[in-house]
Amino acid sequence: MMSPDAAKLQALVGAPRHADAPLDEGRDAARLVAMVEAAAVSSSPTLVSGGFLKSAKQKKARGYRRIDWLNVGAAAVAIVVAAGAATFTGVQMASASPAEGAVQVLTTDEAALAGAEQAAASSKARLEETIQAGVEDAAALRAAVGVLAETEEQPATTEPAALASVIQAVDGYTAALGEVALPEIPANYERGKVDTGSLQSVGDAIDRVQEASVAVDAVAAQVRTSRASVDALTATFTTQLATFATSFAGHAQAEAEAYPVAEQEFRDAVSAAAAAIAATPLNTPAGAAALTAYRDAVIALHDDDYRARVEEEEARNNQQNNNWTPAAPEESSDPGTTDSGTTNPGTTNPGTTNPGTTNPPPVVDPDPEPEADDTFF
């Protein structure tokens, strides 16, 4: 007949499992008895064959083997220990109350819940660190990419189309990381006041532990989903950066061809900087440093090319100045003498007006009118 407390415990935690300790005990005892019998048999006289009896006169007959009392004693002690353990287990099972069994279940569930809470909190903390590191690396890369753009002080040090594409990728990645949803971790479970002698009180505590476990499991699932989203964003961003890195090889070749007057070491430096970009993940501090180094190498190439061109121009000018000789002056006439057909400015030719006089010559009327005669009238 099952007691009321036992029925409540069975309703909470399920039907009790049947202990197989007595059966195991019997099996262990049987094995130990077999060991003792085997030791006894090994101590019995050794049987001899007929052939041996025929030569008994020539050989001394074998006596009885000594009994290994050490093995026999060990087997006997093992039997006693097994029987004692079975008796203790039976007494413990008989004396345990349903409430005590429920407390054991409660303790086990609480330990599992504590482990789940710690795992969920650690997973969220690691994800937060990953997002923060991604945002910081993207900001450093954005600054390094920005110095490649054309300004009033410097020309563009990368392909404009590739630069615009990577700037868009960096800004989009940063914005997407900021939108990743992170769940709130529930407060850690606390048992509270539980009457360990009351099956109902312990059962209520077990229910609370199970509810808290369900909530923690849901949070852990959300953290895993957010982690997968961040990993996917990072993978896409890494692919975009790899495409951008491949554009520097062609740009370095174009720069070397556009500035051929510079020293060879400067063109080699640009090519080496482009190769370093292709071999370095750009969404890392090392990648940002590689971009800055490429910018500096390109500017140094431009400056050296300009220097070489100025020196060449100065050398050409100096050579032209060294090869130039002044022309011989042409012979000119003496201003104090008057050549034939020329007029001395100090004399006045006939029929000409002296430029030093101011009175004009008298005007002669070609057809004068006759004067009136008073005597005519």
Protein backbone atom coordinates (compact mmCIF):
# COMPACT_ATOMS: atom_id res chain seq x y z
CA MET A 1 0.00 0.00 0.00
CA MET A 2 1.60 3.38 -1.13
CA SER A 3 1.54 6.22 1.41
CA PRO A 4 0.12 9.66 0.44
CA ASP A 5 3.60 11.28 0.57
CA ALA A 6 5.01 8.59 -1.69
CA ALA A 7 2.19 9.15 -4.17
CA LYS A 8 2.91 12.92 -4.25
CA LEU A 9 6.62 12.31 -4.82
CA GLN A 10 5.84 9.91 -7.63
CA ALA A 11 3.58 12.53 -9.25
CA LEU A 12 6.37 15.14 -9.08
CA VAL A 13 9.47 13.24 -10.08
CA GLY A 14 8.09 10.09 -11.66
CA ALA A 15 7.89 6.48 -10.63
CA PRO A 16 10.81 5.27 -8.49
CA ARG A 17 13.37 3.11 -10.17
CA HIS A 18 13.74 -0.43 -8.78
CA ALA A 19 17.10 -0.89 -7.21
CA ASP A 20 19.05 -3.91 -8.42
CA ALA A 21 21.37 -3.88 -5.45
CA PRO A 22 20.09 -7.21 -3.99
CA LEU A 23 20.51 -8.87 -7.37
CA ASP A 24 24.00 -7.49 -7.79
CA GLU A 25 24.72 -8.46 -4.25
CA GLY A 26 23.78 -12.02 -4.96
CA ARG A 27 25.88 -12.10 -8.06
CA ASP A 28 28.89 -10.69 -6.23
CA ALA A 29 28.41 -13.17 -3.44
CA ALA A 30 28.19 -16.02 -5.94
CA ARG A 31 31.42 -14.94 -7.55
CA LEU A 32 33.16 -14.71 -4.22
CA VAL A 33 31.90 -18.15 -3.22
CA ALA A 34 33.20 -19.48 -6.51
CA MET A 35 36.59 -17.98 -5.73
CA VAL A 36 36.64 -19.68 -2.34
CA GLU A 37 35.63 -23.03 -3.85
CA ALA A 38 38.30 -22.66 -6.51
CA ALA A 39 40.89 -22.05 -3.81
CA ALA A 40 39.68 -25.11 -1.95
CA VAL A 41 39.81 -27.24 -5.07
CA SER A 42 43.33 -26.07 -5.85
CA SER A 43 44.34 -27.26 -2.39
CA SER A 44 43.07 -30.85 -2.95
CA PRO A 45 45.48 -33.69 -3.89
CA THR A 46 46.62 -33.74 -7.45
CA LEU A 47 45.24 -36.65 -9.44
CA VAL A 48 47.72 -38.80 -11.30
CA SER A 49 47.34 -40.76 -14.48
CA GLY A 50 47.88 -44.46 -14.98
CA GLY A 51 51.25 -43.95 -16.61
CA PHE A 52 52.42 -42.12 -13.60
CA LEU A 53 51.40 -45.03 -11.32
CA LYS A 54 53.51 -47.40 -13.36
CA SER A 55 56.61 -45.33 -12.65
CA ALA A 56 55.73 -44.69 -9.01
CA LYS A 57 58.55 -46.85 -7.84
CA GLN A 58 61.09 -44.76 -9.72
CA LYS A 59 59.72 -41.33 -8.63
CA LYS A 60 58.63 -40.05 -5.30
CA ALA A 61 54.86 -39.53 -5.11
CA ARG A 62 53.67 -35.85 -5.04
CA GLY A 63 52.17 -34.76 -1.76
CA TYR A 64 49.24 -32.46 -1.08
CA ARG A 65 49.52 -28.78 -2.17
CA ARG A 66 49.55 -26.20 0.56
CA ILE A 67 46.37 -24.18 0.95
CA ASP A 68 46.78 -20.50 0.03
CA TRP A 69 45.13 -19.16 3.15
CA LEU A 70 45.87 -15.58 2.09
CA ASN A 71 43.62 -15.85 -1.00
CA VAL A 72 40.96 -17.67 0.97
CA GLY A 73 40.98 -14.99 3.65
CA ALA A 74 40.74 -12.20 1.08
CA ALA A 75 37.76 -13.86 -0.56
CA ALA A 76 36.02 -14.23 2.78
CA VAL A 77 36.58 -10.57 3.63
CA ALA A 78 35.21 -9.52 0.25
CA ILE A 79 32.05 -11.49 0.88
CA VAL A 80 31.56 -9.80 4.22
CA VAL A 81 32.14 -6.30 2.72
CA ALA A 82 29.68 -6.90 -0.12
CA ALA A 83 27.06 -8.13 2.28
CA GLY A 84 27.57 -5.12 4.53
CA ALA A 85 27.27 -2.66 1.64
CA ALA A 86 24.05 -4.27 0.49
CA THR A 87 22.66 -4.10 3.99
CA PHE A 88 23.58 -0.37 4.30
CA THR A 89 21.97 0.44 0.94
CA GLY A 90 18.83 -1.35 1.90
CA VAL A 91 18.64 0.45 5.23
CA GLN A 92 19.24 3.84 3.54
CA MET A 93 16.54 3.22 0.95
CA ALA A 94 14.12 2.08 3.60
CA SER A 95 14.78 5.07 5.87
CA ALA A 96 14.66 7.77 3.11
CA SER A 97 11.46 9.84 3.04
CA PRO A 98 9.79 11.13 -0.15
CA ALA A 99 10.68 14.73 0.79
CA GLU A 100 14.37 13.86 1.09
CA GLY A 101 14.32 12.30 -2.37
CA ALA A 102 12.71 15.44 -3.79
CA VAL A 103 15.41 17.58 -2.18
CA GLN A 104 18.06 15.54 -4.00
CA VAL A 105 16.25 16.19 -7.28
CA LEU A 106 16.04 19.91 -6.44
CA THR A 107 19.76 20.09 -5.68
CA THR A 108 20.67 18.41 -8.97
CA ASP A 109 18.44 20.73 -10.99
CA GLU A 110 19.85 23.80 -9.26
CA ALA A 111 23.41 22.77 -10.10
CA ALA A 112 22.48 22.30 -13.76
CA LEU A 113 20.74 25.70 -13.82
CA ALA A 114 23.78 27.44 -12.33
CA GLY A 115 25.99 25.99 -15.06
CA ALA A 116 23.56 27.10 -17.77
CA GLU A 117 23.40 30.63 -16.34
CA GLN A 118 27.18 30.92 -16.31
CA ALA A 119 27.48 29.61 -19.86
CA ALA A 120 24.88 32.05 -21.20
CA ALA A 121 26.50 35.02 -19.48
CA SER A 122 29.95 34.06 -20.80
CA SER A 123 28.64 33.64 -24.34
CA LYS A 124 27.01 37.06 -24.29
CA ALA A 125 30.14 38.70 -22.89
CA ARG A 126 32.30 37.17 -25.62
CA LEU A 127 29.86 38.32 -28.29
CA GLU A 128 29.87 41.86 -26.90
CA GLU A 129 33.67 41.88 -27.04
CA THR A 130 33.59 40.65 -30.64
CA ILE A 131 31.17 43.40 -31.68
CA GLN A 132 33.17 46.09 -29.89
CA ALA A 133 36.42 44.93 -31.50
CA GLY A 134 34.75 44.91 -34.92
CA VAL A 135 33.50 48.47 -34.48
CA GLU A 136 36.92 49.71 -33.35
CA ASP A 137 38.74 47.97 -36.22
CA ALA A 138 36.24 49.36 -38.72
CA ALA A 139 36.76 52.89 -37.36
CA ALA A 140 40.54 52.57 -37.69
CA LEU A 141 40.14 51.23 -41.22
CA ARG A 142 37.77 54.05 -42.13
CA ALA A 143 40.37 56.59 -41.07
CA ALA A 144 43.13 54.80 -42.99
CA VAL A 145 41.00 54.58 -46.12
CA GLY A 146 40.08 58.25 -45.86
CA VAL A 147 43.70 59.37 -46.21
CA LEU A 148 43.84 57.73 -49.64
CA ALA A 149 41.28 60.17 -51.05
CA GLU A 150 42.26 63.19 -53.12
CA THR A 151 42.52 66.48 -51.26
CA GLU A 152 43.87 69.96 -51.95
CA GLU A 153 47.21 68.95 -50.46
CA GLN A 154 47.65 65.57 -52.14
CA PRO A 155 46.39 63.60 -55.17
CA ALA A 156 44.38 60.38 -54.89
CA THR A 157 46.55 57.43 -53.91
CA THR A 158 44.16 54.68 -55.00
CA GLU A 159 41.53 54.05 -57.63
CA PRO A 160 38.55 56.36 -56.96
CA ALA A 161 35.92 53.70 -57.77
CA ALA A 162 37.51 51.12 -55.48
CA LEU A 163 37.87 53.70 -52.74
CA ALA A 164 34.20 54.67 -52.90
CA SER A 165 33.18 51.00 -52.76
CA VAL A 166 35.24 50.18 -49.70
CA ILE A 167 34.08 53.29 -47.83
CA GLN A 168 30.50 52.18 -48.39
CA ALA A 169 31.37 48.68 -47.16
CA VAL A 170 33.01 49.98 -43.98
CA ASP A 171 30.11 52.27 -43.14
CA GLY A 172 27.57 49.50 -43.78
CA TYR A 173 29.44 47.00 -41.62
CA THR A 174 29.68 49.44 -38.73
CA ALA A 175 25.98 50.21 -38.89
CA ALA A 176 25.04 46.51 -39.05
CA LEU A 177 27.11 45.70 -35.96
CA GLY A 178 25.30 48.42 -34.06
CA GLU A 179 21.95 46.83 -34.91
CA VAL A 180 22.77 43.33 -33.59
CA ALA A 181 20.25 42.40 -30.88
CA LEU A 182 21.69 41.11 -27.61
CA PRO A 183 19.28 39.45 -25.15
CA GLU A 184 19.13 40.30 -21.49
CA ILE A 185 20.46 37.63 -19.15
CA PRO A 186 17.91 36.79 -16.41
CA ALA A 187 18.89 37.29 -12.82
CA ASN A 188 20.61 34.30 -11.27
CA TYR A 189 18.26 31.84 -9.62
CA GLU A 190 18.03 31.80 -5.85
CA ARG A 191 16.29 29.02 -4.01
CA GLY A 192 14.66 31.15 -1.39
CA LYS A 193 12.84 29.68 1.57
CA VAL A 194 12.03 26.00 1.10
CA ASP A 195 10.72 23.60 3.74
CA THR A 196 12.87 20.56 3.03
CA GLY A 197 10.57 18.46 5.18
CA SER A 198 7.53 19.32 3.08
CA LEU A 199 7.10 17.50 -0.18
CA GLN A 200 4.83 20.26 -1.50
CA SER A 201 7.36 23.01 -0.72
CA VAL A 202 10.21 21.11 -2.37
CA GLY A 203 8.05 20.36 -5.38
CA ASP A 204 7.25 24.07 -5.83
CA ALA A 205 10.97 24.86 -5.71
CA ILE A 206 11.63 22.24 -8.39
CA ASP A 207 9.01 23.91 -10.59
CA ARG A 208 10.71 27.29 -10.17
CA VAL A 209 14.08 25.82 -11.13
CA GLN A 210 12.60 24.28 -14.25
CA GLU A 211 10.99 27.59 -15.27
CA ALA A 212 14.29 29.42 -14.77
CA SER A 213 16.07 26.76 -16.82
CA VAL A 214 13.66 27.28 -19.72
CA ALA A 215 14.28 31.05 -19.65
CA VAL A 216 18.06 30.62 -19.58
CA ASP A 217 17.92 28.16 -22.48
CA ALA A 218 15.94 30.71 -24.53
CA VAL A 219 18.54 33.39 -23.84
CA ALA A 220 21.35 31.04 -24.83
CA ALA A 221 19.56 30.33 -28.11
CA GLN A 222 19.23 34.07 -28.82
CA VAL A 223 22.95 34.58 -28.13
CA ARG A 224 23.79 31.81 -30.59
CA THR A 225 21.58 33.43 -33.23
CA SER A 226 23.24 36.81 -32.72
CA ARG A 227 26.66 35.20 -32.90
CA ALA A 228 25.79 33.61 -36.24
CA SER A 229 24.59 37.00 -37.53
CA VAL A 230 27.84 38.71 -36.52
CA ASP A 231 29.92 35.94 -38.09
CA ALA A 232 28.00 36.31 -41.36
CA LEU A 233 28.48 40.09 -41.39
CA THR A 234 32.19 39.72 -40.75
CA ALA A 235 32.58 37.13 -43.51
CA THR A 236 30.88 39.40 -46.06
CA PHE A 237 32.93 42.39 -44.95
CA THR A 238 36.15 40.41 -45.20
CA THR A 239 35.32 39.43 -48.78
CA GLN A 240 34.69 43.07 -49.71
CA LEU A 241 38.01 44.10 -48.22
CA ALA A 242 39.82 41.35 -50.11
CA THR A 243 38.36 42.66 -53.37
CA PHE A 244 39.53 46.16 -52.49
CA ALA A 245 43.03 44.89 -51.68
CA THR A 246 43.41 43.33 -55.13
CA SER A 247 43.00 46.76 -56.77
CA PHE A 248 46.32 48.05 -55.41
CA ALA A 249 48.49 45.90 -57.65
CA GLY A 250 47.13 47.55 -60.79
CA HIS A 251 47.24 50.98 -59.20
CA ALA A 252 50.90 50.52 -58.22
CA GLN A 253 51.78 49.55 -61.79
CA ALA A 254 49.99 52.61 -63.15
CA GLU A 255 51.80 54.88 -60.70
CA ALA A 256 55.20 53.46 -61.69
CA GLU A 257 54.44 54.11 -65.37
CA ALA A 258 53.07 57.61 -64.76
CA TYR A 259 56.17 58.74 -62.84
CA PRO A 260 59.13 57.22 -64.70
CA VAL A 261 61.63 59.95 -63.86
CA ALA A 262 61.72 59.05 -60.14
CA GLU A 263 64.39 56.75 -58.79
CA GLN A 264 63.72 53.01 -59.11
CA GLU A 265 63.71 52.53 -55.35
CA PHE A 266 60.58 54.66 -55.04
CA ARG A 267 58.72 52.61 -57.64
CA ASP A 268 59.83 49.43 -55.90
CA ALA A 269 58.55 50.79 -52.59
CA VAL A 270 55.10 51.38 -54.08
CA SER A 271 54.97 47.83 -55.46
CA ALA A 272 56.06 46.37 -52.11
CA ALA A 273 53.42 48.37 -50.24
CA ALA A 274 50.72 47.09 -52.61
CA ALA A 275 51.84 43.50 -52.04
CA ALA A 276 51.71 44.04 -48.26
CA ILE A 277 48.10 45.19 -48.51
CA ALA A 278 47.13 42.04 -50.41
CA ALA A 279 48.77 39.86 -47.73
CA THR A 280 47.30 41.63 -44.67
CA PRO A 281 43.69 41.49 -43.41
CA LEU A 282 42.53 45.07 -43.76
CA ASN A 283 40.01 44.93 -40.90
CA THR A 284 42.88 44.75 -38.41
CA PRO A 285 45.32 47.35 -37.06
CA ALA A 286 48.00 45.86 -39.33
CA GLY A 287 45.74 46.40 -42.35
CA ALA A 288 45.19 50.07 -41.50
CA ALA A 289 48.95 50.50 -41.13
CA ALA A 290 49.51 48.87 -44.54
CA LEU A 291 47.14 51.32 -46.21
CA THR A 292 48.88 54.27 -44.61
CA ALA A 293 52.26 52.94 -45.73
CA TYR A 294 51.01 52.66 -49.31
CA ARG A 295 49.77 56.25 -49.26
CA ASP A 296 53.18 57.43 -48.02
CA ALA A 297 55.00 55.41 -50.70
CA VAL A 298 52.90 56.91 -53.49
CA ILE A 299 53.43 60.45 -52.24
CA ALA A 300 57.17 59.84 -51.98
CA LEU A 301 57.15 58.59 -55.58
CA HIS A 302 55.41 61.76 -56.75
CA ASP A 303 57.81 63.99 -54.84
CA ASP A 304 60.90 62.26 -56.17
CA ASP A 305 59.58 62.39 -59.72
CA TYR A 306 58.97 66.12 -59.36
CA ARG A 307 62.46 66.61 -57.92
CA ALA A 308 64.05 64.73 -60.81
CA ARG A 309 62.10 66.74 -63.38
CA VAL A 310 63.14 70.04 -61.80
CA GLU A 311 66.76 68.97 -61.83
CA GLU A 312 66.52 67.97 -65.47
CA GLU A 313 64.96 71.31 -66.37
CA GLU A 314 67.67 73.20 -64.53
CA ALA A 315 70.35 71.17 -66.27
CA ARG A 316 68.86 71.99 -69.69
CA ASN A 317 68.72 75.68 -68.87
CA ASN A 318 72.32 75.69 -67.70
CA GLN A 319 73.44 73.93 -70.86
CA GLN A 320 71.65 76.47 -73.06
CA ASN A 321 73.24 79.34 -71.16
CA ASN A 322 76.69 77.85 -71.59
CA ASN A 323 76.25 77.38 -75.34
CA TRP A 324 74.93 80.95 -76.05
CA THR A 325 77.37 83.65 -77.52
CA PRO A 326 76.43 87.35 -78.09
CA ALA A 327 76.09 88.58 -81.81
CA ALA A 328 78.54 91.28 -83.25
CA PRO A 329 77.00 94.83 -83.41
CA GLU A 330 76.26 96.37 -86.90
CA GLU A 331 78.16 99.54 -88.15
CA SER A 332 76.16 102.81 -87.96
CA SER A 333 76.70 106.29 -89.75
CA ASP A 334 78.24 109.27 -87.94
CA PRO A 335 75.47 111.57 -86.82
CA GLY A 336 77.77 114.64 -87.29
CA THR A 337 78.17 114.20 -91.08
CA THR A 338 75.67 114.60 -93.88
CA ASP A 339 75.50 112.04 -96.60
CA SER A 340 74.47 112.98 -100.10
CA GLY A 341 70.75 112.98 -100.46
CA THR A 342 70.30 113.61 -96.79
CA THR A 343 69.42 116.79 -94.98
CA ASN A 344 71.53 118.15 -92.17
CA PRO A 345 69.20 118.86 -89.32
CA GLY A 346 71.29 121.91 -88.45
CA THR A 347 70.77 123.61 -91.91
CA THR A 348 67.77 124.69 -93.88
CA ASN A 349 67.41 123.56 -97.46
CA PRO A 350 66.06 125.98 -100.01
CA GLY A 351 62.35 125.84 -100.37
CA THR A 352 61.89 124.45 -96.94
CA THR A 353 60.74 126.07 -93.79
CA ASN A 354 63.13 126.42 -90.93
CA PRO A 355 61.64 124.50 -88.10
CA GLY A 356 63.10 127.10 -85.76
CA THR A 357 60.81 129.93 -87.10
CA THR A 358 57.23 130.50 -86.13
CA ASN A 359 56.02 133.15 -88.74
CA PRO A 360 54.37 131.52 -91.73
CA PRO A 361 55.19 132.83 -95.26
CA PRO A 362 52.83 135.38 -96.86
CA VAL A 363 49.90 134.08 -98.81
CA VAL A 364 49.65 135.29 -102.42
CA ASP A 365 46.19 135.54 -103.96
CA PRO A 366 46.35 134.02 -107.41
CA ASP A 367 43.51 136.12 -108.80
CA PRO A 368 43.42 139.56 -107.20
CA GLU A 369 40.41 141.80 -107.82
CA PRO A 370 41.08 145.34 -109.39
CA GLU A 371 40.89 148.27 -107.09
CA ALA A 372 38.08 150.79 -107.58
CA ASP A 373 38.99 154.07 -109.37
CA ASP A 374 37.33 157.09 -107.93
CA THR A 375 37.87 159.08 -111.15
CA PHE A 376 35.69 156.73 -113.16
CA PHE A 377 32.65 158.07 -111.60
